[in-house]
């Protein structure tokens, strides 16, 4: 299940990796992909938590009504993901 993204995204570990979080906010502010980019600290209620313990990572999940992952929200914003990948080098 995934949120639609209609309400934006939540960035887990954004409180730890503040520079990267602020880059996401700036990209979204400029290009207006999502209604909101929210921040949260670490959370250990996910299978992704082990990655955080071994590496410097952020996790992004979409907010909004739940739906089955169809084609992972086709555009979830394809462009935002492209910008994220650009940030990685």
C-alpha atoms as a PDB file:
ATOM      1  CA  UNK A   1       0.000   0.000   0.000  1.00  0.00           C
ATOM      2  CA  UNK A   2       1.107   3.515  -0.652  1.00  0.00           C
ATOM      3  CA  UNK A   3      -0.390   6.925  -0.158  1.00  0.00           C
ATOM      4  CA  UNK A   4      -1.474   8.826  -3.216  1.00  0.00           C
ATOM      5  CA  UNK A   5       0.894  11.709  -2.573  1.00  0.00           C
ATOM      6  CA  UNK A   6      -2.087  14.070  -2.788  1.00  0.00           C
ATOM      7  CA  UNK A   7      -1.161  15.392   0.655  1.00  0.00           C
ATOM      8  CA  UNK A   8       2.598  15.444   0.018  1.00  0.00           C
ATOM      9  CA  UNK A   9       5.457  13.362   1.373  1.00  0.00           C
ATOM     10  CA  UNK A  10       7.055  12.660   4.741  1.00  0.00           C
ATOM     11  CA  UNK A  11      10.856  12.458   4.969  1.00  0.00           C
ATOM     12  CA  UNK A  12      12.047  10.050   7.660  1.00  0.00           C
ATOM     13  CA  UNK A  13      15.445  11.036   9.097  1.00  0.00           C
ATOM     14  CA  UNK A  14      14.964  14.558   7.771  1.00  0.00           C
ATOM     15  CA  UNK A  15      15.751  15.849  11.244  1.00  0.00           C
ATOM     16  CA  UNK A  16      19.116  14.110  11.084  1.00  0.00           C
ATOM     17  CA  UNK A  17      19.988  14.971   7.487  1.00  0.00           C
ATOM     18  CA  UNK A  18      18.810  18.562   7.561  1.00  0.00           C
ATOM     19  CA  UNK A  19      20.769  19.743   4.520  1.00  0.00           C
ATOM     20  CA  UNK A  20      19.295  17.036   2.293  1.00  0.00           C
ATOM     21  CA  UNK A  21      15.810  17.689   3.664  1.00  0.00           C
ATOM     22  CA  UNK A  22      16.137  21.399   2.979  1.00  0.00           C
ATOM     23  CA  UNK A  23      17.240  20.610  -0.595  1.00  0.00           C
ATOM     24  CA  UNK A  24      14.034  18.602  -1.093  1.00  0.00           C
ATOM     25  CA  UNK A  25      11.981  21.465   0.312  1.00  0.00           C
ATOM     26  CA  UNK A  26      13.726  23.950  -1.991  1.00  0.00           C
ATOM     27  CA  UNK A  27      13.174  21.767  -5.073  1.00  0.00           C
ATOM     28  CA  UNK A  28       9.518  21.350  -4.207  1.00  0.00           C
ATOM     29  CA  UNK A  29       9.074  25.046  -3.467  1.00  0.00           C
ATOM     30  CA  UNK A  30      10.542  25.976  -6.844  1.00  0.00           C
ATOM     31  CA  UNK A  31       8.796  23.332  -8.938  1.00  0.00           C
ATOM     32  CA  UNK A  32       5.626  22.809  -6.874  1.00  0.00           C
ATOM     33  CA  UNK A  33       5.508  19.026  -7.305  1.00  0.00           C
ATOM     34  CA  UNK A  34       3.774  18.305  -3.999  1.00  0.00           C
ATOM     35  CA  UNK A  35       1.476  20.210  -1.651  1.00  0.00           C
ATOM     36  CA  UNK A  36       3.817  19.648   1.299  1.00  0.00           C
ATOM     37  CA  UNK A  37       7.156  18.111   2.257  1.00  0.00           C
ATOM     38  CA  UNK A  38       7.047  17.119   5.930  1.00  0.00           C
ATOM     39  CA  UNK A  39       9.932  16.145   8.154  1.00  0.00           C
ATOM     40  CA  UNK A  40      10.183  13.545  10.872  1.00  0.00           C
ATOM     41  CA  UNK A  41      12.929  11.959  12.877  1.00  0.00           C
ATOM     42  CA  UNK A  42      14.036   8.335  12.856  1.00  0.00           C
ATOM     43  CA  UNK A  43      11.446   5.625  13.334  1.00  0.00           C
ATOM     44  CA  UNK A  44      12.106   1.987  13.988  1.00  0.00           C
ATOM     45  CA  UNK A  45       8.727   0.565  12.955  1.00  0.00           C
ATOM     46  CA  UNK A  46       9.807  -0.415   9.472  1.00  0.00           C
ATOM     47  CA  UNK A  47      11.933  -3.003   7.737  1.00  0.00           C
ATOM     48  CA  UNK A  48      13.950  -0.053   6.432  1.00  0.00           C
ATOM     49  CA  UNK A  49      15.238   0.722   9.909  1.00  0.00           C
ATOM     50  CA  UNK A  50      18.167  -1.693   9.578  1.00  0.00           C
ATOM     51  CA  UNK A  51      19.470   0.285   6.604  1.00  0.00           C
ATOM     52  CA  UNK A  52      19.534   3.412   8.721  1.00  0.00           C
ATOM     53  CA  UNK A  53      21.614   1.694  11.350  1.00  0.00           C
ATOM     54  CA  UNK A  54      24.255   0.797   8.742  1.00  0.00           C
ATOM     55  CA  UNK A  55      24.242   3.826   6.472  1.00  0.00           C
ATOM     56  CA  UNK A  56      23.245   7.463   6.126  1.00  0.00           C
ATOM     57  CA  UNK A  57      19.799   7.341   4.563  1.00  0.00           C
ATOM     58  CA  UNK A  58      16.493   9.115   4.331  1.00  0.00           C
ATOM     59  CA  UNK A  59      13.223   7.395   3.552  1.00  0.00           C
ATOM     60  CA  UNK A  60      10.305   9.020   1.817  1.00  0.00           C
ATOM     61  CA  UNK A  61       6.717   7.920   2.000  1.00  0.00           C
ATOM     62  CA  UNK A  62       3.710   9.457   0.371  1.00  0.00           C
ATOM     63  CA  UNK A  63       0.802  10.988   2.242  1.00  0.00           C
ATOM     64  CA  UNK A  64      -2.845  10.861   1.287  1.00  0.00           C
ATOM     65  CA  UNK A  65      -5.472   8.214   0.834  1.00  0.00           C
ATOM     66  CA  UNK A  66      -4.057   4.707   0.561  1.00  0.00           C
ATOM     67  CA  UNK A  67      -4.165   2.787  -2.661  1.00  0.00           C
ATOM     68  CA  UNK A  68      -2.470  -0.315  -3.967  1.00  0.00           C
ATOM     69  CA  UNK A  69       0.831   0.509  -5.593  1.00  0.00           C
ATOM     70  CA  UNK A  70      -0.315   0.623  -9.162  1.00  0.00           C
ATOM     71  CA  UNK A  71       2.659   1.899 -11.013  1.00  0.00           C
ATOM     72  CA  UNK A  72       4.062   3.573  -7.971  1.00  0.00           C
ATOM     73  CA  UNK A  73       2.077   6.621  -8.563  1.00  0.00           C
ATOM     74  CA  UNK A  74       3.319   7.036 -11.992  1.00  0.00           C
ATOM     75  CA  UNK A  75       4.280  10.580 -11.672  1.00  0.00           C
ATOM     76  CA  UNK A  76       5.052  10.777  -7.868  1.00  0.00           C
ATOM     77  CA  UNK A  77       6.204  12.517  -9.154  1.00  0.00           C
ATOM     78  CA  UNK A  78       8.649  11.228 -11.594  1.00  0.00           C
ATOM     79  CA  UNK A  79      10.240  14.626 -11.693  1.00  0.00           C
ATOM     80  CA  UNK A  80      10.822  14.817  -7.961  1.00  0.00           C
ATOM     81  CA  UNK A  81      12.465  11.399  -8.076  1.00  0.00           C
ATOM     82  CA  UNK A  82      14.638  12.605 -10.949  1.00  0.00           C
ATOM     83  CA  UNK A  83      15.705  15.591  -8.867  1.00  0.00           C
ATOM     84  CA  UNK A  84      16.445  13.295  -5.920  1.00  0.00           C
ATOM     85  CA  UNK A  85      18.657  11.119  -8.077  1.00  0.00           C
ATOM     86  CA  UNK A  86      20.459  14.209  -9.355  1.00  0.00           C
ATOM     87  CA  UNK A  87      21.229  15.155  -5.756  1.00  0.00           C
ATOM     88  CA  UNK A  88      22.916  11.773  -5.303  1.00  0.00           C
ATOM     89  CA  UNK A  89      25.453  12.509  -7.974  1.00  0.00           C
END
